[in-house]
Amino acid sequence: MNGMVWFVGAGPGDPGLISVKATQVLGQSEVVLYDYLVHPSLLQYAPNAEWVCVGKRKGYHSQKQGDINTLLIKYAQNDKKVVRLKGGDPCVFGRLGEEMQALKANGIRYGVVPGISSAIAVPAYAGIPLTHRELSRSFSVVTGSLKAGDNVSELPIPNADTLVFLMAVTGLETIVARVLEETSMSSDTPAALIYRGTTAAQKTVVGTLDTIVELRDMHDMKPPSILVIGGVAGLAPDLDWRSDFPLAGRRCVVLRSVEQSQELVTRLSGLGADVMPIPMIRILPDETQMARINADLLAPVTHFIFTSPAGVRLFMAAIQANGGDARTLAGKVIVAVGPKTKQTLMSHGLNADYVAQTAQQEGVLDCLPETMTAQTVLLPISAQARPVLADTCKARGADVISVPLYSPAKPDQFLGTIEDGDIVFFTSSSTVKHFVESGLYTGQKIEAVCLGPITAETLRVSGIDCKVAKSPTIDSLIELVLD
C-alpha cells in the first residue's frame, strides 16, 4: 500500500504563517481534508488535489471525529497521498493523537508537519508577549472547550504567570471564577480576549478578571477567541503593532491566476492586509499550437510581440520542447505589453526592444512603425485575444502569424468568500466575467480597483463601480489602494 497521510499545521489564520515544508507536502497531495478555520488560500498550494472540508467549528461540526478517521483510512487504503490540514499546530488541542492512533491501528503510514500554534501567534499579533522578564517567567495553555458531557468547571487550572485559554468565550464566566479561586491572581489581574487573531477581523479587548466578562458582552466577542490572563495581557494597548500598518484590518481579494498573483499578494500582506487569493482564471495551454513553435515557423519572423506573461512562459516552453532556446530570437525585434511582460522576458534571458506604455494592444501599436511592408510579426496570444493588433499590423503591410497558445478559463471551483468592505483587484475583463459568474458575488459592498480602461468598462457594464490605476503596474495598484 502506497497511501500515506501527512498531518499539517496550517497556522492560526494568517496564510503567510504556513511553513515551507507544509507547502511542499500540500503540493504533492492528492486529497486534502481541511478544517473550517483553515485559510482558504492555503488550498491553492494543492491545485491537483481533491479538497474535502471536514468542519470542526465550535457548535457546527460537519463531521464527527469517527467519520474523519474513517475518511483518512479510506483514502490512504486507496493509495492516495492525503493531507490532513489542521488550524494552528495539529499537536496542540488538534485531536492529532486520536487520528494517529486510528491510522496506526490500520497499518497506515503518517507524518507530521508542525504549525504555528494560535496559543502563541494570536497573543503576539495582539502585542502580548507570553513571557517577560519582569512580568512572566512561565505560561500555560489550556483548552476552554472539552468533550461533550464534560464540564468546564472541571478544567485543570495550571500554576503559571500567564494563562492562555483557547476557545474561551462560551465558558468565560466559569474560567474566570476558577482562576480567582485556585490561583494567586486577583480581580485586577489584566485579561485580554482576542477574536480571530492574525486575520483582518482580529479584535482585541483588554480589561481585568473583574471586567473581562462584561467587556465580552459589550463588544460582542464570539468564538473563535483566545483569553490571555496575566501581567503581560496589560501590555497589549502599548505594544500593539498591527495598527501601524496602512492596510491593517482590511481584506484584499486578488483574482489573478496563481502564476501572476504572488507579487501583489506579497506586497499587500507586507502592508498588513489579510489577502484572499481567489483565482478567477486558469491558463489552459494549447498543445497543438505549442507544437507549431519550431525553427521553420520562426525563421521569417522579424517582430515578436508578447501581450502577456503567460504568452512568454508558454512560448519559451514550446521553443525548448522543440529543441530550441533563447538564441532563436537573436536579431529579432521584441515588443512587450507592460512591465510585467518585460520582467517575464528578462527571466528567460530576453530584453524587450520596446515596452508599450499602456498595457493593452493599442499601446503596442505606438511602438511599431506605420509602414511594415516586408515585415513578419508573430503573436503568441490568447485564443480570446481581441483582433486589434493583428488587424492593424496587416493593414500596415506586415505578414502576421497568430499562435493562440492558451485560453483563459474559469476555474472548476472557487474557495473563499466575498465580504462587505473587501478590496477586490480586477486585472482583466476575464476576471470580471468569471467573478460575476462565480456565485461568490451577490452584491456585497466591495471596493473594486482595476488595471486599465477596458477592465474598468467591463466592471461598469456589470454594475460594479471601480477605481482605475494610473498605470498598468503593481506599484500603481498599491498607490491607488493606499490613497
Protein backbone atom coordinates (compact mmCIF):
# COMPACT_ATOMS: atom_id res chain seq x y z
CA MET A 1 0.00 0.00 0.00
CA ASN A 2 1.48 3.35 -1.11
CA GLY A 3 -1.08 5.58 0.59
CA MET A 4 0.10 7.91 3.31
CA VAL A 5 -1.31 10.70 5.50
CA TRP A 6 0.50 13.91 6.42
CA PHE A 7 -0.84 15.90 9.36
CA VAL A 8 -0.07 19.52 8.53
CA GLY A 9 -0.41 22.62 10.70
CA ALA A 10 -1.98 25.49 8.78
CA GLY A 11 -1.17 28.13 11.38
CA PRO A 12 -3.59 30.42 13.21
CA GLY A 13 -5.21 32.26 10.29
CA ASP A 14 -2.71 34.47 8.51
CA PRO A 15 -1.84 32.35 5.45
CA GLY A 16 1.70 33.74 5.44
CA LEU A 17 2.44 31.82 8.64
CA ILE A 18 2.39 28.39 7.00
CA SER A 19 5.76 26.63 6.78
CA VAL A 20 7.78 25.90 3.65
CA LYS A 21 7.57 22.16 4.30
CA ALA A 22 3.80 22.39 4.65
CA THR A 23 3.51 23.94 1.18
CA GLN A 24 5.76 21.24 -0.26
CA VAL A 25 3.65 18.46 1.22
CA LEU A 26 0.44 20.12 0.02
CA GLY A 27 1.89 20.39 -3.49
CA GLN A 28 2.31 16.62 -3.66
CA SER A 29 -1.08 15.77 -2.19
CA GLU A 30 -3.98 14.07 -3.93
CA VAL A 31 -6.59 14.64 -1.19
CA VAL A 32 -6.77 17.42 1.41
CA LEU A 33 -9.10 17.12 4.41
CA TYR A 34 -9.21 20.60 5.94
CA ASP A 35 -10.82 22.24 8.95
CA TYR A 36 -13.23 25.17 8.96
CA LEU A 37 -10.72 27.69 10.34
CA VAL A 38 -8.04 26.94 7.73
CA HIS A 39 -7.49 29.97 5.48
CA PRO A 40 -8.96 29.01 2.06
CA SER A 41 -6.00 30.44 0.15
CA LEU A 42 -3.76 27.69 1.54
CA LEU A 43 -5.56 25.17 -0.64
CA GLN A 44 -4.02 26.85 -3.68
CA TYR A 45 -0.81 25.02 -2.71
CA ALA A 46 -2.66 21.79 -3.57
CA PRO A 47 -4.02 22.61 -7.05
CA ASN A 48 -4.33 19.00 -8.18
CA ALA A 49 -5.89 17.60 -5.02
CA GLU A 50 -9.47 16.81 -4.08
CA TRP A 51 -10.49 19.26 -1.34
CA VAL A 52 -12.75 17.95 1.44
CA CYS A 53 -13.99 20.22 4.22
CA VAL A 54 -14.48 18.29 7.44
CA GLY A 55 -15.70 21.18 9.55
CA LYS A 56 -14.61 21.26 13.20
CA ARG A 57 -16.16 24.60 14.06
CA LYS A 58 -17.48 25.26 17.56
CA GLY A 59 -21.12 24.22 17.55
CA TYR A 60 -21.14 23.38 13.83
CA HIS A 61 -19.26 20.10 13.43
CA SER A 62 -19.94 18.98 9.86
CA GLN A 63 -18.08 15.72 10.51
CA LYS A 64 -17.77 13.67 13.68
CA GLN A 65 -14.28 12.63 14.69
CA GLY A 66 -15.01 8.98 13.92
CA ASP A 67 -16.15 9.94 10.41
CA ILE A 68 -12.92 11.88 9.82
CA ASN A 69 -10.87 8.89 10.93
CA THR A 70 -12.83 6.71 8.50
CA LEU A 71 -12.18 9.11 5.61
CA LEU A 72 -8.44 9.21 6.34
CA ILE A 73 -8.27 5.43 6.37
CA LYS A 74 -10.36 5.08 3.19
CA TYR A 75 -8.28 7.49 1.12
CA ALA A 76 -4.97 6.07 2.35
CA GLN A 77 -6.08 2.49 1.66
CA ASN A 78 -6.89 3.63 -1.89
CA ASP A 79 -3.21 4.57 -2.25
CA LYS A 80 -3.85 8.31 -2.06
CA LYS A 81 -1.39 10.90 -0.77
CA VAL A 82 -3.51 12.56 1.90
CA VAL A 83 -3.01 15.80 3.81
CA ARG A 84 -4.99 16.40 7.00
CA LEU A 85 -4.79 20.21 7.20
CA LYS A 86 -5.48 21.49 10.70
CA GLY A 87 -5.64 25.03 12.05
CA GLY A 88 -2.77 26.15 14.27
CA ASP A 89 -0.50 23.30 15.29
CA PRO A 90 -2.06 19.83 15.00
CA CYS A 91 -0.33 18.70 18.20
CA VAL A 92 -1.98 21.44 20.32
CA PHE A 93 -5.63 20.56 21.02
CA GLY A 94 -5.99 19.37 17.41
CA ARG A 95 -7.10 15.78 18.18
CA LEU A 96 -3.96 14.64 16.41
CA GLY A 97 -3.40 11.74 18.79
CA GLU A 98 -6.81 10.23 18.07
CA GLU A 99 -6.28 10.36 14.31
CA MET A 100 -2.74 8.95 14.51
CA GLN A 101 -3.98 6.08 16.67
CA ALA A 102 -6.67 5.27 14.10
CA LEU A 103 -4.11 5.16 11.29
CA LYS A 104 -1.63 3.16 13.37
CA ALA A 105 -4.30 0.56 14.11
CA ASN A 106 -4.88 0.13 10.37
CA GLY A 107 -1.22 -0.06 9.41
CA ILE A 108 -1.20 3.28 7.55
CA ARG A 109 1.95 5.40 7.39
CA TYR A 110 1.74 9.03 8.52
CA GLY A 111 3.94 12.06 9.13
CA VAL A 112 3.56 15.35 10.98
CA VAL A 113 4.41 18.90 9.86
CA PRO A 114 4.03 21.16 12.92
CA GLY A 115 2.36 24.52 12.55
CA ILE A 116 2.43 27.81 14.45
CA SER A 117 0.01 27.44 17.33
CA SER A 118 -2.68 30.06 17.83
CA ALA A 119 -1.78 29.93 21.53
CA ILE A 120 1.46 31.76 20.72
CA ALA A 121 0.74 33.60 17.47
CA VAL A 122 -2.58 35.23 18.36
CA PRO A 123 -1.28 36.97 21.50
CA ALA A 124 1.82 38.04 19.55
CA TYR A 125 -0.37 39.64 16.86
CA ALA A 126 -2.21 41.50 19.61
CA GLY A 127 1.01 42.87 21.10
CA ILE A 128 1.12 40.41 24.01
CA PRO A 129 4.44 38.61 24.64
CA LEU A 130 3.68 35.50 26.66
CA THR A 131 6.89 35.87 28.63
CA HIS A 132 8.56 38.98 30.04
CA ARG A 133 11.48 39.12 32.47
CA GLU A 134 9.59 41.39 34.84
CA LEU A 135 6.05 40.05 34.38
CA SER A 136 6.04 36.41 33.30
CA ARG A 137 8.62 33.64 33.61
CA SER A 138 6.16 30.89 32.67
CA PHE A 139 2.97 30.30 30.71
CA SER A 140 0.43 27.52 30.38
CA VAL A 141 -2.03 26.74 27.60
CA VAL A 142 -5.44 25.31 28.47
CA THR A 143 -8.40 24.37 26.29
CA GLY A 144 -11.62 26.11 27.17
CA SER A 145 -13.71 23.54 25.32
CA LEU A 146 -13.99 19.92 26.44
CA LYS A 147 -15.61 16.77 25.11
CA ALA A 148 -19.40 16.62 25.06
CA GLY A 149 -20.65 15.88 28.54
CA ASP A 150 -17.59 17.29 30.29
CA ASN A 151 -17.90 20.39 32.48
CA VAL A 152 -15.73 23.49 32.16
CA SER A 153 -15.77 23.62 35.97
CA GLU A 154 -13.55 20.51 35.89
CA LEU A 155 -10.83 22.16 33.79
CA PRO A 156 -7.40 21.97 35.41
CA ILE A 157 -6.07 25.45 36.20
CA PRO A 158 -2.26 25.44 35.98
CA ASN A 159 0.02 27.50 38.18
CA ALA A 160 1.80 29.87 35.77
CA ASP A 161 2.46 33.60 35.43
CA THR A 162 0.50 33.72 32.16
CA LEU A 163 -2.55 31.61 31.34
CA VAL A 164 -3.76 31.14 27.76
CA PHE A 165 -7.22 29.63 27.27
CA LEU A 166 -8.16 28.55 23.76
CA MET A 167 -11.85 28.54 22.77
CA ALA A 168 -12.62 30.51 25.91
CA VAL A 169 -15.70 32.59 25.12
CA THR A 170 -18.51 30.18 25.93
CA GLY A 171 -17.25 29.20 29.38
CA LEU A 172 -15.65 32.53 30.23
CA GLU A 173 -17.56 33.11 33.49
CA THR A 174 -16.56 29.72 34.84
CA ILE A 175 -12.95 30.10 33.72
CA VAL A 176 -12.61 33.49 35.44
CA ALA A 177 -14.20 32.18 38.65
CA ARG A 178 -11.90 29.15 38.69
CA VAL A 179 -8.78 31.28 38.14
CA LEU A 180 -9.74 33.60 41.01
CA GLU A 181 -10.45 30.67 43.31
CA GLU A 182 -7.49 28.42 42.51
CA THR A 183 -4.59 30.76 41.71
CA SER A 184 -2.91 33.73 43.32
CA MET A 185 -4.27 36.03 40.62
CA SER A 186 -6.54 38.84 41.88
CA SER A 187 -9.56 40.53 40.34
CA ASP A 188 -7.38 43.35 38.99
CA THR A 189 -5.08 40.97 37.07
CA PRO A 190 -5.02 42.04 33.39
CA ALA A 191 -7.01 39.88 30.96
CA ALA A 192 -7.43 40.11 27.19
CA LEU A 193 -9.84 38.49 24.75
CA ILE A 194 -8.67 38.22 21.13
CA TYR A 195 -11.15 37.35 18.38
CA ARG A 196 -9.93 35.74 15.13
CA GLY A 197 -6.34 36.66 15.79
CA THR A 198 -3.88 37.16 12.88
CA THR A 199 -6.74 37.84 10.41
CA ALA A 200 -8.25 41.10 9.15
CA ALA A 201 -11.16 40.55 11.53
CA GLN A 202 -8.90 40.48 14.60
CA LYS A 203 -10.40 42.34 17.55
CA THR A 204 -8.86 42.70 21.00
CA VAL A 205 -10.44 43.85 24.24
CA VAL A 206 -8.32 44.34 27.35
CA GLY A 207 -9.57 44.57 30.91
CA THR A 208 -9.13 42.66 34.15
CA LEU A 209 -10.51 39.46 35.58
CA ASP A 210 -13.14 41.65 37.20
CA THR A 211 -14.28 43.26 33.91
CA ILE A 212 -13.49 40.82 31.11
CA VAL A 213 -16.93 39.11 31.12
CA GLU A 214 -18.68 42.46 30.85
CA LEU A 215 -16.30 43.51 28.06
CA ARG A 216 -17.05 40.28 26.18
CA ASP A 217 -20.75 41.11 26.15
CA MET A 218 -20.21 44.82 25.43
CA HIS A 219 -18.02 44.13 22.39
CA ASP A 220 -19.92 41.01 21.25
CA MET A 221 -16.83 38.81 21.33
CA LYS A 222 -17.66 35.45 19.76
CA PRO A 223 -15.80 32.23 19.02
CA PRO A 224 -13.09 31.71 17.98
CA SER A 225 -11.49 33.83 20.71
CA ILE A 226 -8.47 33.34 22.94
CA LEU A 227 -8.23 34.51 26.54
CA VAL A 228 -4.88 35.66 27.97
CA ILE A 229 -4.61 36.27 31.72
CA GLY A 230 -1.60 37.77 33.47
CA GLY A 231 0.51 40.90 33.65
CA VAL A 232 1.59 40.63 30.00
CA ALA A 233 -2.03 40.98 28.85
CA GLY A 234 -1.95 44.58 30.07
CA LEU A 235 0.82 45.38 27.58
CA ALA A 236 -1.46 44.98 24.56
CA PRO A 237 -2.57 48.65 24.22
CA ASP A 238 1.02 49.93 24.25
CA LEU A 239 2.67 47.14 22.27
CA ASP A 240 0.03 46.75 19.55
CA TRP A 241 1.96 46.78 16.29
CA ARG A 242 -0.54 45.79 13.63
CA SER A 243 -2.46 49.06 13.67
CA ASP A 244 0.68 50.84 12.41
CA PHE A 245 0.37 49.09 9.05
CA PRO A 246 -1.64 51.05 6.47
CA LEU A 247 -3.88 48.13 5.43
CA ALA A 248 -4.34 46.62 8.89
CA GLY A 249 -7.82 45.23 9.31
CA ARG A 250 -8.54 45.21 5.56
CA ARG A 251 -9.26 42.16 3.43
CA CYS A 252 -7.88 42.22 -0.10
CA VAL A 253 -9.18 39.75 -2.69
CA VAL A 254 -6.82 39.04 -5.60
CA LEU A 255 -8.44 37.44 -8.64
CA ARG A 256 -5.37 36.89 -10.78
CA SER A 257 -4.17 33.44 -11.77
CA VAL A 258 -1.89 31.73 -9.26
CA GLU A 259 1.14 32.25 -11.52
CA GLN A 260 0.64 36.01 -11.70
CA SER A 261 -0.64 36.87 -8.25
CA GLN A 262 2.36 36.24 -5.99
CA GLU A 263 3.94 39.69 -6.19
CA LEU A 264 0.68 41.51 -5.46
CA VAL A 265 -0.18 39.10 -2.63
CA THR A 266 3.24 39.61 -1.06
CA ARG A 267 3.09 43.39 -1.33
CA LEU A 268 -0.41 43.62 0.18
CA SER A 269 0.49 41.24 3.01
CA GLY A 270 3.52 43.38 3.78
CA LEU A 271 1.20 46.36 4.23
CA GLY A 272 -0.80 44.49 6.85
CA ALA A 273 -3.74 43.28 4.73
CA ASP A 274 -5.39 39.89 5.07
CA VAL A 275 -5.05 38.72 1.46
CA MET A 276 -7.51 36.25 -0.03
CA PRO A 277 -6.33 34.91 -3.42
CA ILE A 278 -9.36 33.63 -5.32
CA PRO A 279 -8.07 32.93 -8.84
CA MET A 280 -10.75 33.65 -11.41
CA ILE A 281 -8.59 32.50 -14.30
CA ARG A 282 -6.65 29.36 -15.05
CA ILE A 283 -4.43 29.12 -18.09
CA LEU A 284 -5.13 26.22 -20.44
CA PRO A 285 -2.20 25.64 -22.85
CA ASP A 286 -2.98 24.50 -26.38
CA GLU A 287 -0.55 21.68 -27.05
CA THR A 288 -1.30 21.68 -30.78
CA GLN A 289 -0.44 25.36 -31.12
CA MET A 290 2.68 24.99 -28.96
CA ALA A 291 3.90 22.25 -31.30
CA ARG A 292 3.89 24.82 -34.13
CA ILE A 293 6.71 26.81 -32.49
CA ASN A 294 9.66 25.41 -34.42
CA ALA A 295 12.61 26.72 -36.43
CA ASP A 296 10.73 26.70 -39.75
CA LEU A 297 7.86 28.81 -38.39
CA LEU A 298 10.17 31.31 -36.67
CA ALA A 299 12.76 31.73 -39.43
CA PRO A 300 10.98 34.55 -41.39
CA VAL A 301 9.78 36.41 -38.27
CA THR A 302 11.12 39.95 -37.79
CA HIS A 303 8.97 41.03 -34.82
CA PHE A 304 7.84 39.05 -31.77
CA ILE A 305 5.05 40.77 -29.86
CA PHE A 306 4.25 39.42 -26.39
CA THR A 307 0.99 40.58 -24.89
CA SER A 308 1.08 38.72 -21.54
CA PRO A 309 3.44 36.94 -19.14
CA ALA A 310 1.56 33.69 -19.84
CA GLY A 311 2.33 34.07 -23.55
CA VAL A 312 6.04 34.48 -22.76
CA ARG A 313 6.18 31.45 -20.48
CA LEU A 314 4.35 29.14 -22.87
CA PHE A 315 6.25 30.39 -25.93
CA MET A 316 9.61 29.75 -24.28
CA ALA A 317 8.43 26.35 -23.03
CA ALA A 318 7.40 25.47 -26.59
CA ILE A 319 10.75 26.55 -28.03
CA GLN A 320 12.65 24.42 -25.51
CA ALA A 321 10.34 21.44 -26.00
CA ASN A 322 11.03 21.64 -29.73
CA GLY A 323 14.82 21.74 -29.35
CA GLY A 324 15.48 25.50 -29.32
CA ASP A 325 16.32 28.19 -26.78
CA ALA A 326 16.52 31.97 -26.41
CA ARG A 327 19.08 32.19 -29.25
CA THR A 328 16.21 31.53 -31.64
CA LEU A 329 15.14 35.16 -31.13
CA ALA A 330 18.60 36.63 -31.82
CA GLY A 331 18.45 39.65 -34.11
CA LYS A 332 14.66 39.91 -33.92
CA VAL A 333 12.63 42.87 -32.62
CA ILE A 334 10.92 42.02 -29.33
CA VAL A 335 7.95 44.07 -28.11
CA ALA A 336 6.26 43.66 -24.70
CA VAL A 337 2.97 44.85 -23.28
CA GLY A 338 3.70 46.46 -19.92
CA PRO A 339 6.44 45.96 -17.32
CA LYS A 340 5.26 42.56 -16.07
CA THR A 341 5.60 41.01 -19.53
CA LYS A 342 9.00 42.72 -19.80
CA GLN A 343 10.09 41.16 -16.49
CA THR A 344 8.94 37.72 -17.60
CA LEU A 345 11.01 38.07 -20.79
CA MET A 346 14.04 39.05 -18.71
CA SER A 347 13.61 35.95 -16.55
CA HIS A 348 14.16 33.98 -19.78
CA GLY A 349 17.26 35.96 -20.73
CA LEU A 350 15.49 38.25 -23.21
CA ASN A 351 15.35 42.05 -23.27
CA ALA A 352 12.40 43.78 -24.90
CA ASP A 353 13.36 46.35 -27.53
CA TYR A 354 10.11 48.20 -26.92
CA VAL A 355 7.68 48.22 -23.99
CA ALA A 356 4.19 49.57 -24.52
CA GLN A 357 3.31 52.43 -22.20
CA THR A 358 -0.26 51.22 -21.86
CA ALA A 359 -0.88 47.53 -21.11
CA GLN A 360 -3.23 46.85 -24.00
CA GLN A 361 -2.95 46.12 -27.69
CA GLU A 362 -3.42 49.74 -28.67
CA GLY A 363 -0.30 50.62 -26.65
CA VAL A 364 1.76 48.15 -28.67
CA LEU A 365 0.79 49.82 -31.93
CA ASP A 366 2.52 53.00 -30.79
CA CYS A 367 5.79 51.02 -30.65
CA LEU A 368 5.51 49.83 -34.27
CA PRO A 369 6.28 51.68 -37.50
CA GLU A 370 3.38 52.99 -39.58
CA THR A 371 4.65 51.03 -42.57
CA MET A 372 5.56 47.37 -42.04
CA THR A 373 5.90 46.10 -45.60
CA ALA A 374 8.17 43.04 -45.83
CA GLN A 375 7.94 42.52 -42.05
CA THR A 376 6.64 39.35 -40.41
CA VAL A 377 5.01 39.58 -36.97
CA LEU A 378 4.48 36.62 -34.66
CA LEU A 379 1.85 36.95 -31.94
CA PRO A 380 1.88 34.34 -29.13
CA ILE A 381 -1.55 35.24 -27.79
CA SER A 382 -4.65 34.06 -26.00
CA ALA A 383 -7.31 32.32 -28.05
CA GLN A 384 -9.69 35.03 -26.79
CA ALA A 385 -7.46 37.98 -27.66
CA ARG A 386 -9.02 40.95 -29.45
CA PRO A 387 -8.03 41.19 -33.14
CA VAL A 388 -6.95 44.86 -32.98
CA LEU A 389 -3.21 44.17 -33.02
CA ALA A 390 -3.24 41.55 -35.76
CA ASP A 391 -5.60 43.54 -37.99
CA THR A 392 -3.63 46.78 -37.67
CA CYS A 393 -0.29 45.09 -38.40
CA LYS A 394 -1.81 43.56 -41.53
CA ALA A 395 -3.20 46.96 -42.54
CA ARG A 396 0.32 48.40 -42.23
CA GLY A 397 1.63 45.77 -44.66
CA ALA A 398 3.01 43.08 -42.35
CA ASP A 399 2.54 39.35 -42.59
CA VAL A 400 1.03 38.18 -39.27
CA ILE A 401 1.39 34.75 -37.69
CA SER A 402 -1.04 34.39 -34.80
CA VAL A 403 -0.37 31.47 -32.47
CA PRO A 404 -3.12 31.15 -29.83
CA LEU A 405 -1.03 29.30 -27.25
CA TYR A 406 -3.58 29.31 -24.45
CA SER A 407 -7.11 30.05 -23.35
CA PRO A 408 -8.09 31.78 -20.10
CA ALA A 409 -10.69 29.53 -18.48
CA LYS A 410 -12.85 29.75 -15.40
CA PRO A 411 -11.60 27.55 -12.53
CA ASP A 412 -13.56 24.42 -11.74
CA GLN A 413 -14.11 25.55 -8.14
CA PHE A 414 -13.73 28.69 -6.08
CA LEU A 415 -12.51 28.81 -2.50
CA GLY A 416 -13.12 31.78 -0.25
CA THR A 417 -15.79 34.37 0.32
CA ILE A 418 -16.54 37.94 -0.68
CA GLU A 419 -17.43 40.18 2.26
CA ASP A 420 -18.62 43.74 2.70
CA GLY A 421 -15.65 46.09 2.76
CA ASP A 422 -13.36 43.84 0.71
CA ILE A 423 -10.89 45.50 -1.66
CA VAL A 424 -11.12 43.41 -4.84
CA PHE A 425 -8.43 43.56 -7.54
CA PHE A 426 -9.51 43.06 -11.15
CA THR A 427 -6.73 42.72 -13.73
CA SER A 428 -8.62 41.74 -16.88
CA SER A 429 -12.09 41.56 -18.35
CA SER A 430 -11.97 37.77 -17.89
CA THR A 431 -11.57 38.17 -14.13
CA VAL A 432 -14.66 40.41 -14.10
CA LYS A 433 -16.73 37.95 -16.13
CA HIS A 434 -15.75 34.94 -14.02
CA PHE A 435 -16.17 36.91 -10.77
CA VAL A 436 -19.76 37.73 -11.66
CA GLU A 437 -20.43 34.13 -12.75
CA SER A 438 -18.72 32.52 -9.75
CA GLY A 439 -21.68 32.91 -7.41
CA LEU A 440 -19.41 34.39 -4.72
CA TYR A 441 -20.55 37.93 -5.52
CA THR A 442 -24.14 38.70 -4.64
CA GLY A 443 -24.00 42.47 -4.40
CA GLN A 444 -21.65 42.86 -1.42
CA LYS A 445 -20.30 46.38 -0.81
CA ILE A 446 -16.84 45.94 -2.25
CA GLU A 447 -14.17 48.43 -3.25
CA ALA A 448 -13.15 47.45 -6.78
CA VAL A 449 -9.79 48.50 -8.20
CA CYS A 450 -8.59 47.54 -11.65
CA LEU A 451 -5.91 47.76 -14.30
CA GLY A 452 -6.81 49.56 -17.49
CA PRO A 453 -9.85 51.20 -19.06
CA ILE A 454 -11.08 48.04 -20.78
CA THR A 455 -11.36 46.15 -17.50
CA ALA A 456 -12.98 49.22 -15.93
CA GLU A 457 -15.59 49.34 -18.67
CA THR A 458 -16.37 45.64 -18.21
CA LEU A 459 -16.87 46.29 -14.49
CA ARG A 460 -19.21 49.21 -15.15
CA VAL A 461 -21.25 47.16 -17.61
CA SER A 462 -21.52 44.54 -14.86
CA GLY A 463 -22.84 47.19 -12.47
CA ILE A 464 -19.70 47.45 -10.33
CA ASP A 465 -18.14 50.87 -9.67
CA CYS A 466 -14.36 50.89 -9.67
CA LYS A 467 -11.20 52.93 -9.41
CA VAL A 468 -8.59 52.62 -12.14
CA ALA A 469 -4.83 52.53 -11.58
CA LYS A 470 -2.89 55.31 -13.30
CA SER A 471 -0.56 52.81 -14.97
CA PRO A 472 -0.61 49.03 -15.52
CA THR A 473 1.75 48.21 -12.67
CA ILE A 474 1.61 46.68 -9.20
CA ASP A 475 3.03 49.93 -7.81
CA SER A 476 0.15 51.88 -9.29
CA LEU A 477 -2.43 49.46 -7.87
CA ILE A 478 -0.86 49.72 -4.41
CA GLU A 479 -0.76 53.51 -4.65
CA LEU A 480 -4.44 53.57 -5.60
CA VAL A 481 -5.39 51.44 -2.59
CA LEU A 482 -3.30 53.47 -0.15
CA ASP A 483 -4.81 56.71 -1.44
